[in-house]
Amino acid sequence: MKFTPIAPGREGSLGQGPYRRLILKNVTVIDGTGGPAYGPADIVIENDRIRSVVSAGRNTDMTQMGATVEGDAEVIDLDGHYVLPGLIDSHAHIGCAEQGPNADYIYRLWLGHGITTVREVGCIGNGVDFTVREAARSAANEITAPYVIPYSAFGAGRGEPFRSPKDAEQWISEQAETGARGIKFFGAPPAIFEAAIAEANRLDLGSACHHAASDVARVNALTTARWGLTSIEHGYGLPESMFTDRRVQKFPGSYNYNDEHDRFAYLGRLWREAADPGSKVWDDTIDELVSLGTTLDPTLAVYVASRDAARARGREYHRDYTSPQAWKFFQPNPESHGSYFQDWGTEEEVAWKENYRLWMAFVRDFYHRGGRVTVGSDAGFIYNLYGFGLIEEMELLREAGLHPLEIIQCATSNAAALLGLEDTGVVEPGKRADLLVTAENPLANLKTLYGHGHLRMLPDGALARVGGVTHTLKGGVVFDAAALRADVRESIASERERLGVPAPFTP
């Protein structure tokens, strides 16, 4: 389908600051390094930077202790709250008019979940020029949005295929000049593909690849990793790297890649055709990927509806947070990418459950052997909503076997390392003040990071929604995350009224 560009972010920031000096007092810190939580602590922020983190037992410099009470400072007492680095969505899309009323809807959902940076992989529909402009406006705090890292889709805007490696190299150079920070690949003839990755590396651009089934027989994930690819997106290309008795997946004669029901039904059978977990081929593949420094950005959340479509369709947050445009886009429709549930049944879901078991085992083994894993949502598709999708991705990594501290590291410092962002991703002096504040302990329950909260029975027997991010700090600018989410709810209600459509699940 063709996407319609979305309306850009409205002028103006809803945040406060940055301040000459801001102190977040009495917090418990989860610093993003993988280390355990500690507190109480005071975080001193000056302008857009963390000046100091002061906590008894961790800081013996008493002059630093005084820094938390001296001088003219804005103070936010957050007793009982937790502070994390701002989350980084390593596979995000701003979305198009078919997926939301405007970019503000998406930006507010991101910031409302503590997401302070997104890697926009492909700039699909809106184009790289639009995305670069939005990135610059966000960096200057001219709009209410996270930082944006734009990646161009390989070959976008050309109108014809690449004819030679030189053509590809020239196009890569042009993308760097437009302000793209990386390139997203789907596949290409091997000589052209290899030359493009080499040129991206020469220009210090990142590279990501969704190894599409249409090209993976020629170039799989292990091949591109050897060429210097930065990150493997989703799970494509990995099983094909571990085929032992075939070169191509066993598609039936009736298979049509352009039929998305076919495409995703047989994707759900892919991992069982690869080498078994723990086999020599499995282990050797992981060891080589780790040695090459390749990052896995699994985006488990975007396909999770395939193992239980009804559950994904009935997610609690759809009623208040899913725009009518997105809800329509999610419905079964061969014209909408990822809306392949025209007749999705038990056989497809059982296959996908096994697919996830094997896929998660690979991610877990890769991580435990020293591989870098990041957290990406690919939201906007398959009942997967902006902001919410990243928290679900964190939950799925927990299901895969990672510890919550490891998952937070994947979503913060690991992602910062992938994107070459040396000044963010960790709560420590000198880093940019990109932070998430929440009143609940995410190490005990990641569900408390969801914007619609977590249902809990209180001591008196009453039921209440708890959790949700309370504050998001982006470069020292403080956003009321709850207010941003309330703004989304109000705007969605107004949009439904304007269009004359009911909320999901309304009789």
Protein backbone atom coordinates (compact mmCIF):
# COMPACT_ATOMS: atom_id res chain seq x y z
CA MET A 1 0.00 0.00 0.00
CA LYS A 2 0.98 3.63 -0.34
CA PHE A 3 1.36 5.62 2.86
CA THR A 4 0.27 9.23 3.28
CA PRO A 5 2.75 11.52 5.10
CA ILE A 6 1.64 12.43 8.60
CA ALA A 7 1.22 15.97 9.93
CA PRO A 8 4.45 17.04 11.67
CA GLY A 9 4.75 17.94 15.34
CA ARG A 10 3.15 21.20 16.42
CA GLU A 11 5.42 24.04 17.43
CA GLY A 12 6.12 24.32 21.14
CA SER A 13 7.37 22.17 23.99
CA LEU A 14 5.12 21.01 26.83
CA GLY A 15 8.16 20.47 29.05
CA GLN A 16 9.70 22.67 31.71
CA GLY A 17 13.39 23.58 31.73
CA PRO A 18 16.17 22.86 31.31
CA TYR A 19 17.08 24.41 34.66
CA ARG A 20 20.32 25.98 35.80
CA ARG A 21 20.17 23.42 38.59
CA LEU A 22 17.55 20.74 39.17
CA ILE A 23 17.64 18.17 41.98
CA LEU A 24 15.68 14.91 41.95
CA LYS A 25 15.69 14.03 45.65
CA ASN A 26 15.33 10.73 47.50
CA VAL A 27 15.11 8.46 44.48
CA THR A 28 16.13 4.85 43.94
CA VAL A 29 18.42 4.63 40.92
CA ILE A 30 18.52 1.85 38.33
CA ASP A 31 21.46 3.17 36.37
CA GLY A 32 21.31 1.18 33.11
CA THR A 33 24.70 -0.51 33.51
CA GLY A 34 23.21 -3.78 34.71
CA GLY A 35 24.14 -2.98 38.30
CA PRO A 36 21.58 -3.34 41.09
CA ALA A 37 19.30 -0.54 42.21
CA TYR A 38 20.53 1.79 44.96
CA GLY A 39 19.09 4.60 47.02
CA PRO A 40 18.02 6.89 48.43
CA ALA A 41 19.97 9.15 46.11
CA ASP A 42 19.87 12.73 44.90
CA ILE A 43 20.47 13.41 41.21
CA VAL A 44 21.83 16.88 40.52
CA ILE A 45 21.21 18.15 36.99
CA GLU A 46 22.68 21.33 35.56
CA ASN A 47 21.11 22.47 32.29
CA ASP A 48 20.99 19.30 30.16
CA ARG A 49 23.63 17.27 32.05
CA ILE A 50 23.81 15.11 35.16
CA ARG A 51 26.25 16.88 37.47
CA SER A 52 26.32 14.31 40.28
CA VAL A 53 24.52 11.35 41.76
CA VAL A 54 24.84 11.43 45.54
CA SER A 55 23.98 8.42 47.67
CA ALA A 56 25.20 7.27 51.07
CA GLY A 57 27.52 4.33 50.69
CA ARG A 58 28.34 5.15 47.06
CA ASN A 59 29.74 8.71 47.31
CA THR A 60 32.23 9.56 50.06
CA ASP A 61 32.94 13.11 48.84
CA MET A 62 31.12 15.23 51.43
CA THR A 63 31.52 18.36 49.29
CA GLN A 64 29.37 16.60 46.71
CA MET A 65 26.83 15.79 49.41
CA GLY A 66 26.49 19.50 50.02
CA ALA A 67 25.76 20.10 46.37
CA THR A 68 22.26 18.70 46.85
CA VAL A 69 21.20 21.46 49.26
CA GLU A 70 23.28 24.50 48.34
CA GLY A 71 22.39 27.28 45.96
CA ASP A 72 19.31 28.24 44.04
CA ALA A 73 17.90 24.97 42.66
CA GLU A 74 14.60 23.58 41.49
CA VAL A 75 13.88 20.58 43.71
CA ILE A 76 11.50 17.69 43.02
CA ASP A 77 11.10 15.41 46.03
CA LEU A 78 10.55 11.91 44.65
CA ASP A 79 10.64 9.82 47.80
CA GLY A 80 9.66 6.25 46.90
CA HIS A 81 10.23 6.76 43.16
CA TYR A 82 12.63 5.00 40.81
CA VAL A 83 14.80 6.72 38.21
CA LEU A 84 16.09 4.94 35.08
CA PRO A 85 17.84 6.22 31.99
CA GLY A 86 15.36 7.28 29.34
CA LEU A 87 14.34 4.30 27.22
CA ILE A 88 15.60 4.04 23.64
CA ASP A 89 13.36 2.43 21.02
CA SER A 90 15.87 0.92 18.61
CA HIS A 91 13.28 0.09 15.95
CA ALA A 92 10.63 2.79 15.66
CA HIS A 93 8.53 4.48 13.01
CA ILE A 94 6.92 7.90 13.29
CA GLY A 95 4.00 6.45 11.38
CA CYS A 96 1.86 7.82 8.58
CA ALA A 97 -1.60 9.34 8.31
CA GLU A 98 -3.08 5.84 8.06
CA GLN A 99 -1.67 5.06 11.54
CA GLY A 100 -2.42 8.21 13.52
CA PRO A 101 -3.97 11.69 13.28
CA ASN A 102 -0.62 13.50 13.57
CA ALA A 103 2.95 13.03 14.75
CA ASP A 104 2.13 14.58 18.14
CA TYR A 105 -0.04 11.56 18.94
CA ILE A 106 2.95 9.27 18.47
CA TYR A 107 5.49 11.56 20.14
CA ARG A 108 3.33 11.92 23.26
CA LEU A 109 2.86 8.16 23.55
CA TRP A 110 6.63 7.73 23.34
CA LEU A 111 7.47 10.42 25.89
CA GLY A 112 4.55 9.28 28.06
CA HIS A 113 6.32 5.92 28.40
CA GLY A 114 9.72 7.38 29.23
CA ILE A 115 11.13 6.94 25.71
CA THR A 116 13.61 9.75 25.12
CA THR A 117 15.26 8.54 21.88
CA VAL A 118 13.97 6.59 18.88
CA ARG A 119 15.80 5.14 15.90
CA GLU A 120 13.48 5.76 12.94
CA VAL A 121 14.49 2.84 10.73
CA GLY A 122 13.55 3.57 7.14
CA CYS A 123 11.55 6.80 7.36
CA ILE A 124 8.90 4.83 5.45
CA GLY A 125 6.07 6.95 4.07
CA ASN A 126 7.22 10.28 5.51
CA GLY A 127 10.64 10.28 3.86
CA VAL A 128 14.08 11.08 5.17
CA ASP A 129 13.79 14.86 4.65
CA PHE A 130 10.69 15.02 6.87
CA THR A 131 12.35 12.86 9.51
CA VAL A 132 15.58 14.86 9.52
CA ARG A 133 13.57 18.07 9.99
CA GLU A 134 11.61 16.55 12.87
CA ALA A 135 14.86 15.32 14.43
CA ALA A 136 16.32 18.83 14.29
CA ARG A 137 13.18 20.41 15.73
CA SER A 138 13.15 17.90 18.58
CA ALA A 139 16.84 18.42 19.36
CA ALA A 140 16.17 22.17 19.59
CA ASN A 141 13.11 21.56 21.84
CA GLU A 142 10.87 23.25 19.29
CA ILE A 143 8.39 20.36 19.50
CA THR A 144 7.33 17.87 22.17
CA ALA A 145 9.11 14.75 20.98
CA PRO A 146 11.94 12.36 21.78
CA TYR A 147 15.30 12.65 20.06
CA VAL A 148 15.06 11.05 16.61
CA ILE A 149 17.83 9.13 14.81
CA PRO A 150 16.84 8.89 11.10
CA TYR A 151 17.78 5.86 8.96
CA SER A 152 17.04 5.95 5.22
CA ALA A 153 15.49 2.92 3.51
CA PHE A 154 17.99 1.55 1.00
CA GLY A 155 17.14 2.84 -2.46
CA ALA A 156 14.24 5.06 -1.38
CA GLY A 157 13.48 7.84 -3.86
CA ARG A 158 15.50 6.38 -6.73
CA GLY A 159 12.66 5.14 -8.90
CA GLU A 160 14.82 2.35 -10.33
CA PRO A 161 17.00 -0.47 -9.01
CA PHE A 162 20.70 -0.03 -8.39
CA ARG A 163 22.71 -1.11 -11.44
CA SER A 164 26.15 -1.33 -9.88
CA PRO A 165 28.02 -1.12 -6.58
CA LYS A 166 29.12 2.40 -7.57
CA ASP A 167 25.46 3.48 -7.86
CA ALA A 168 24.83 2.19 -4.35
CA GLU A 169 27.88 3.93 -2.94
CA GLN A 170 26.82 7.22 -4.48
CA TRP A 171 23.30 6.91 -3.04
CA ILE A 172 24.68 6.12 0.43
CA SER A 173 26.84 9.24 0.24
CA GLU A 174 23.82 11.35 -0.73
CA GLN A 175 21.87 10.05 2.25
CA ALA A 176 24.66 11.08 4.59
CA GLU A 177 24.51 14.59 3.10
CA THR A 178 20.75 14.81 3.75
CA GLY A 179 21.32 14.12 7.46
CA ALA A 180 20.53 10.40 7.66
CA ARG A 181 22.40 8.69 10.48
CA GLY A 182 22.11 5.21 9.04
CA ILE A 183 20.65 2.94 6.36
CA LYS A 184 17.96 0.28 6.65
CA PHE A 185 18.30 -2.63 4.23
CA PHE A 186 15.83 -5.30 3.17
CA GLY A 187 18.02 -7.09 0.65
CA ALA A 188 19.86 -6.48 -2.62
CA PRO A 189 22.11 -8.30 -5.12
CA PRO A 190 25.16 -9.42 -3.14
CA ALA A 191 27.81 -7.22 -4.79
CA ILE A 192 25.63 -4.12 -4.43
CA PHE A 193 24.65 -5.00 -0.87
CA GLU A 194 28.23 -5.56 0.25
CA ALA A 195 29.44 -2.32 -1.34
CA ALA A 196 26.61 -0.35 0.30
CA ILE A 197 27.43 -1.65 3.78
CA ALA A 198 31.11 -0.89 3.23
CA GLU A 199 30.30 2.68 2.17
CA ALA A 200 27.98 3.17 5.13
CA ASN A 201 30.77 2.03 7.44
CA ARG A 202 33.27 4.31 5.72
CA LEU A 203 30.96 7.27 6.33
CA ASP A 204 30.32 6.20 9.93
CA LEU A 205 26.63 5.54 9.24
CA GLY A 206 24.77 2.83 11.09
CA SER A 207 23.22 -0.06 9.19
CA ALA A 208 20.23 -2.26 9.99
CA CYS A 209 18.68 -5.07 7.99
CA HIS A 210 15.32 -6.75 7.82
CA HIS A 211 16.50 -9.78 5.82
CA ALA A 212 13.45 -10.16 3.60
CA ALA A 213 12.57 -13.67 2.45
CA SER A 214 12.76 -12.44 -1.16
CA ASP A 215 16.54 -11.97 -0.87
CA VAL A 216 17.70 -14.09 2.05
CA ALA A 217 18.57 -17.10 -0.11
CA ARG A 218 21.39 -14.98 -1.56
CA VAL A 219 22.35 -12.99 1.53
CA ASN A 220 21.51 -14.18 5.05
CA ALA A 221 22.18 -12.56 8.41
CA LEU A 222 25.57 -14.20 8.90
CA THR A 223 26.69 -12.93 5.48
CA THR A 224 25.78 -9.32 6.23
CA ALA A 225 27.34 -9.55 9.68
CA ARG A 226 30.61 -10.59 8.04
CA TRP A 227 30.31 -7.56 5.76
CA GLY A 228 30.01 -5.27 8.79
CA LEU A 229 26.26 -4.82 9.28
CA THR A 230 25.52 -2.99 12.53
CA SER A 231 22.25 -4.64 13.58
CA ILE A 232 20.00 -7.53 12.57
CA GLU A 233 16.33 -6.54 12.85
CA HIS A 234 13.54 -8.95 13.80
CA GLY A 235 14.52 -12.61 13.42
CA TYR A 236 14.77 -12.82 9.66
CA GLY A 237 17.98 -14.18 8.17
CA LEU A 238 19.11 -15.92 11.36
CA PRO A 239 17.40 -19.33 10.85
CA GLU A 240 18.51 -19.31 7.21
CA SER A 241 22.09 -18.91 8.46
CA MET A 242 21.66 -22.23 10.29
CA PHE A 243 20.05 -24.42 7.65
CA THR A 244 21.88 -27.74 7.52
CA ASP A 245 19.93 -29.76 4.94
CA ARG A 246 18.59 -27.05 2.64
CA ARG A 247 19.41 -23.61 1.27
CA VAL A 248 15.82 -22.33 1.00
CA GLN A 249 12.88 -22.65 3.38
CA LYS A 250 10.45 -25.40 2.37
CA PHE A 251 7.72 -23.21 0.94
CA PRO A 252 4.73 -25.02 -0.61
CA GLY A 253 4.23 -24.69 -4.35
CA SER A 254 1.27 -22.37 -3.76
CA TYR A 255 3.29 -19.88 -1.66
CA ASN A 256 3.12 -16.24 -2.77
CA TYR A 257 5.38 -13.78 -0.94
CA ASN A 258 3.06 -10.87 -1.82
CA ASP A 259 0.22 -12.60 0.02
CA GLU A 260 0.89 -11.52 3.61
CA HIS A 261 -1.12 -14.38 5.05
CA ASP A 262 1.25 -16.76 3.27
CA ARG A 263 4.27 -14.69 4.25
CA PHE A 264 3.56 -14.63 7.97
CA ALA A 265 2.05 -18.11 8.22
CA TYR A 266 5.25 -19.63 6.87
CA LEU A 267 7.47 -17.23 8.80
CA GLY A 268 5.90 -18.95 11.81
CA ARG A 269 7.36 -22.26 10.60
CA LEU A 270 10.85 -20.94 9.86
CA TRP A 271 12.83 -21.50 13.07
CA ARG A 272 11.97 -25.22 13.27
CA GLU A 273 13.76 -25.72 9.91
CA ALA A 274 17.07 -24.44 11.34
CA ALA A 275 19.69 -26.24 13.40
CA ASP A 276 18.60 -27.30 16.88
CA PRO A 277 19.43 -25.21 19.97
CA GLY A 278 22.74 -26.33 21.42
CA SER A 279 23.92 -27.95 18.20
CA LYS A 280 27.34 -27.14 16.77
CA VAL A 281 25.84 -25.04 13.97
CA TRP A 282 23.68 -23.11 16.45
CA ASP A 283 26.62 -22.48 18.78
CA ASP A 284 29.06 -21.61 15.99
CA THR A 285 26.60 -19.12 14.48
CA ILE A 286 26.12 -17.35 17.81
CA ASP A 287 29.84 -17.31 18.54
CA GLU A 288 30.64 -15.76 15.17
CA LEU A 289 27.95 -13.10 15.48
CA VAL A 290 29.23 -12.18 18.93
CA SER A 291 32.82 -12.02 17.71
CA LEU A 292 31.79 -9.75 14.84
CA GLY A 293 30.12 -7.31 17.23
CA THR A 294 26.74 -7.56 15.50
CA THR A 295 23.71 -6.36 17.48
CA LEU A 296 20.41 -8.24 17.65
CA ASP A 297 17.34 -6.00 17.74
CA PRO A 298 14.67 -8.72 17.92
CA THR A 299 11.39 -6.71 17.97
CA LEU A 300 9.61 -9.72 19.45
CA ALA A 301 6.61 -7.50 20.21
CA VAL A 302 5.64 -6.77 16.63
CA TYR A 303 4.80 -10.39 15.75
CA VAL A 304 3.47 -11.56 19.11
CA ALA A 305 -0.12 -11.25 17.87
CA SER A 306 0.67 -14.16 15.57
CA ARG A 307 0.65 -16.56 18.52
CA ASP A 308 -2.61 -15.19 19.98
CA ALA A 309 -4.41 -12.75 17.69
CA ALA A 310 -7.48 -12.38 19.92
CA ARG A 311 -5.37 -11.40 22.92
CA ALA A 312 -3.51 -8.75 20.92
CA ARG A 313 -6.74 -7.39 19.49
CA GLY A 314 -8.22 -7.15 22.99
CA ARG A 315 -5.35 -5.36 24.74
CA GLU A 316 -6.72 -3.14 27.51
CA TYR A 317 -5.06 0.04 26.25
CA HIS A 318 -6.69 0.05 22.80
CA ARG A 319 -9.90 1.60 24.11
CA ASP A 320 -8.29 4.77 25.44
CA TYR A 321 -5.09 5.12 23.43
CA THR A 322 -5.46 3.63 19.95
CA SER A 323 -6.45 6.23 17.37
CA PRO A 324 -9.28 5.46 14.96
CA GLN A 325 -6.76 5.57 12.11
CA ALA A 326 -4.52 2.99 13.78
CA TRP A 327 -7.46 0.78 14.76
CA LYS A 328 -8.70 0.73 11.18
CA PHE A 329 -5.18 -0.01 9.93
CA PHE A 330 -4.85 -2.96 12.30
CA GLN A 331 -8.00 -4.69 11.05
CA PRO A 332 -7.59 -7.62 8.62
CA ASN A 333 -7.00 -6.08 5.21
CA PRO A 334 -4.63 -7.21 2.44
CA GLU A 335 -4.04 -3.54 1.59
CA SER A 336 -2.57 -2.73 5.04
CA HIS A 337 0.91 -4.07 5.79
CA GLY A 338 0.87 -6.46 8.73
CA SER A 339 -2.93 -6.83 8.79
CA TYR A 340 -2.82 -10.48 7.74
CA PHE A 341 -5.45 -12.00 10.07
CA GLN A 342 -8.13 -12.62 7.43
CA ASP A 343 -8.38 -16.27 8.50
CA TRP A 344 -5.81 -16.79 11.24
CA GLY A 345 -6.46 -20.02 13.07
CA THR A 346 -5.22 -22.55 15.58
CA GLU A 347 -2.64 -24.10 13.25
CA GLU A 348 -0.97 -20.74 12.59
CA GLU A 349 -0.91 -19.81 16.27
CA VAL A 350 0.49 -23.16 17.41
CA ALA A 351 3.27 -22.83 14.83
CA TRP A 352 4.09 -19.33 16.02
CA LYS A 353 4.25 -20.41 19.67
CA GLU A 354 6.96 -22.92 18.74
CA ASN A 355 8.61 -20.28 16.56
CA TYR A 356 8.84 -17.96 19.56
CA ARG A 357 10.27 -20.69 21.79
CA LEU A 358 13.17 -21.24 19.38
CA TRP A 359 13.63 -17.57 18.51
CA MET A 360 13.75 -16.61 22.19
CA ALA A 361 16.25 -19.39 22.87
CA PHE A 362 18.55 -17.93 20.22
CA VAL A 363 18.25 -14.40 21.63
CA ARG A 364 18.90 -15.67 25.16
CA ASP A 365 21.94 -17.76 24.15
CA PHE A 366 23.33 -14.89 22.07
CA TYR A 367 22.95 -12.49 24.98
CA HIS A 368 24.44 -14.82 27.58
CA ARG A 369 27.51 -15.39 25.39
CA GLY A 370 28.23 -11.66 25.35
CA GLY A 371 26.17 -10.47 22.39
CA ARG A 372 24.56 -7.05 22.42
CA VAL A 373 20.75 -7.09 22.41
CA THR A 374 18.63 -3.95 22.16
CA VAL A 375 14.92 -3.23 22.58
CA GLY A 376 12.83 -2.17 19.60
CA SER A 377 9.07 -2.15 19.15
CA ASP A 378 8.35 -1.63 15.41
CA ALA A 379 5.05 -0.17 16.65
CA GLY A 380 2.29 0.97 14.33
CA PHE A 381 1.67 -2.50 12.93
CA ILE A 382 -0.09 -5.72 13.99
CA TYR A 383 -2.06 -4.30 16.97
CA ASN A 384 1.23 -2.99 18.38
CA LEU A 385 0.92 0.58 19.66
CA TYR A 386 3.57 3.27 20.12
CA GLY A 387 5.09 3.38 23.61
CA PHE A 388 3.12 0.37 24.82
CA GLY A 389 4.94 -1.86 22.33
CA LEU A 390 8.35 -1.10 23.82
CA ILE A 391 7.20 -2.15 27.30
CA GLU A 392 5.79 -5.35 25.85
CA GLU A 393 9.14 -5.97 24.14
CA MET A 394 10.80 -5.71 27.55
CA GLU A 395 8.31 -8.24 28.94
CA LEU A 396 9.02 -10.62 26.07
CA LEU A 397 12.76 -10.43 26.76
CA ARG A 398 11.90 -11.40 30.33
CA GLU A 399 10.00 -14.39 28.93
CA ALA A 400 13.10 -15.22 26.86
CA GLY A 401 15.09 -15.49 30.09
CA LEU A 402 16.85 -12.16 30.61
CA HIS A 403 16.86 -10.58 34.07
CA PRO A 404 14.99 -7.25 34.46
CA LEU A 405 18.30 -5.47 35.12
CA GLU A 406 19.65 -6.92 31.87
CA ILE A 407 16.53 -5.87 29.99
CA ILE A 408 16.77 -2.29 31.22
CA GLN A 409 20.40 -2.30 30.13
CA CYS A 410 19.31 -3.50 26.68
CA ALA A 411 16.78 -0.65 26.48
CA THR A 412 19.24 2.03 27.60
CA SER A 413 23.03 1.69 27.54
CA ASN A 414 23.09 -1.13 24.97
CA ALA A 415 20.89 0.89 22.63
CA ALA A 416 23.01 4.00 23.17
CA ALA A 417 26.11 2.00 22.23
CA LEU A 418 24.41 0.68 19.09
CA LEU A 419 23.54 4.21 18.00
CA GLY A 420 26.90 5.70 18.90
CA LEU A 421 25.35 7.92 21.57
CA GLU A 422 28.13 8.21 24.10
CA ASP A 423 26.40 10.85 26.23
CA THR A 424 23.22 9.02 27.19
CA GLY A 425 21.91 5.63 28.31
CA VAL A 426 23.35 5.60 31.85
CA VAL A 427 22.54 7.54 35.03
CA GLU A 428 25.97 8.94 35.88
CA PRO A 429 27.74 12.31 35.99
CA GLY A 430 28.49 13.83 32.61
CA LYS A 431 25.68 12.07 30.78
CA ARG A 432 22.77 13.92 29.23
CA ALA A 433 19.82 14.10 31.58
CA ASP A 434 17.59 11.67 29.68
CA LEU A 435 15.64 9.99 32.48
CA LEU A 436 12.48 8.12 33.34
CA VAL A 437 10.76 8.45 36.75
CA THR A 438 8.19 5.99 38.04
CA ALA A 439 6.55 5.38 41.43
CA GLU A 440 6.65 1.58 41.06
CA ASN A 441 9.61 -0.79 40.96
CA PRO A 442 9.98 -2.06 37.39
CA LEU A 443 12.44 -4.73 38.52
CA ALA A 444 9.59 -6.36 40.42
CA ASN A 445 7.02 -5.90 37.67
CA LEU A 446 7.71 -4.50 34.22
CA LYS A 447 3.95 -4.13 33.67
CA THR A 448 3.99 -1.06 35.90
CA LEU A 449 5.71 0.84 33.05
CA TYR A 450 2.64 0.59 30.80
CA GLY A 451 0.86 3.89 30.32
CA HIS A 452 -2.55 2.48 31.26
CA GLY A 453 -1.09 1.14 34.51
CA HIS A 454 -1.25 -2.20 36.22
CA LEU A 455 -4.32 -3.58 37.99
CA ARG A 456 -3.63 -4.30 41.65
CA MET A 457 -5.78 -5.19 44.65
CA LEU A 458 -5.07 -2.80 47.53
CA PRO A 459 -4.93 -3.89 51.20
CA ASP A 460 -8.54 -2.82 51.69
CA GLY A 461 -9.66 -5.07 48.85
CA ALA A 462 -10.25 -2.24 46.38
CA LEU A 463 -8.91 -2.54 42.83
CA ALA A 464 -6.73 0.26 41.48
CA ARG A 465 -4.54 1.05 38.51
CA VAL A 466 -0.97 1.68 39.65
CA GLY A 467 2.19 2.59 37.81
CA GLY A 468 2.92 4.42 34.63
CA VAL A 469 5.83 6.81 34.14
CA THR A 470 5.37 9.99 36.21
CA HIS A 471 8.10 12.17 34.67
CA THR A 472 10.23 11.97 31.55
CA LEU A 473 13.37 14.09 31.32
CA LYS A 474 14.83 14.72 27.88
CA GLY A 475 18.04 16.71 27.96
CA GLY A 476 17.05 18.16 31.33
CA VAL A 477 13.59 19.23 30.10
CA VAL A 478 10.96 17.80 32.45
CA PHE A 479 7.73 16.42 31.00
CA ASP A 480 4.71 15.41 33.05
CA ALA A 481 4.30 11.94 31.52
CA ALA A 482 0.82 11.42 33.00
CA ALA A 483 -0.33 14.72 31.50
CA LEU A 484 1.02 13.69 28.08
CA ARG A 485 -0.94 10.46 28.25
CA ALA A 486 -4.06 12.35 29.33
CA ASP A 487 -3.60 14.63 26.33
CA VAL A 488 -3.51 11.55 24.09
CA ARG A 489 -6.72 10.16 25.62
CA GLU A 490 -8.51 13.46 25.14
CA SER A 491 -7.28 13.89 21.57
CA ILE A 492 -8.35 10.35 20.67
CA ALA A 493 -11.82 10.90 22.11
CA SER A 494 -12.13 14.10 20.07
CA GLU A 495 -10.84 12.36 16.94
CA ARG A 496 -13.40 9.59 17.29
CA GLU A 497 -16.15 12.15 17.73
CA ARG A 498 -14.94 14.06 14.65
CA LEU A 499 -14.95 10.91 12.54
CA GLY A 500 -18.13 9.50 14.05
CA VAL A 501 -16.57 6.18 15.05
CA PRO A 502 -16.90 4.35 18.38
CA ALA A 503 -14.06 3.25 20.62
CA PRO A 504 -12.89 -0.34 20.14
CA PHE A 505 -15.17 -2.94 21.73
CA THR A 506 -18.07 -0.49 22.11
CA PRO A 507 -21.34 -2.38 21.42
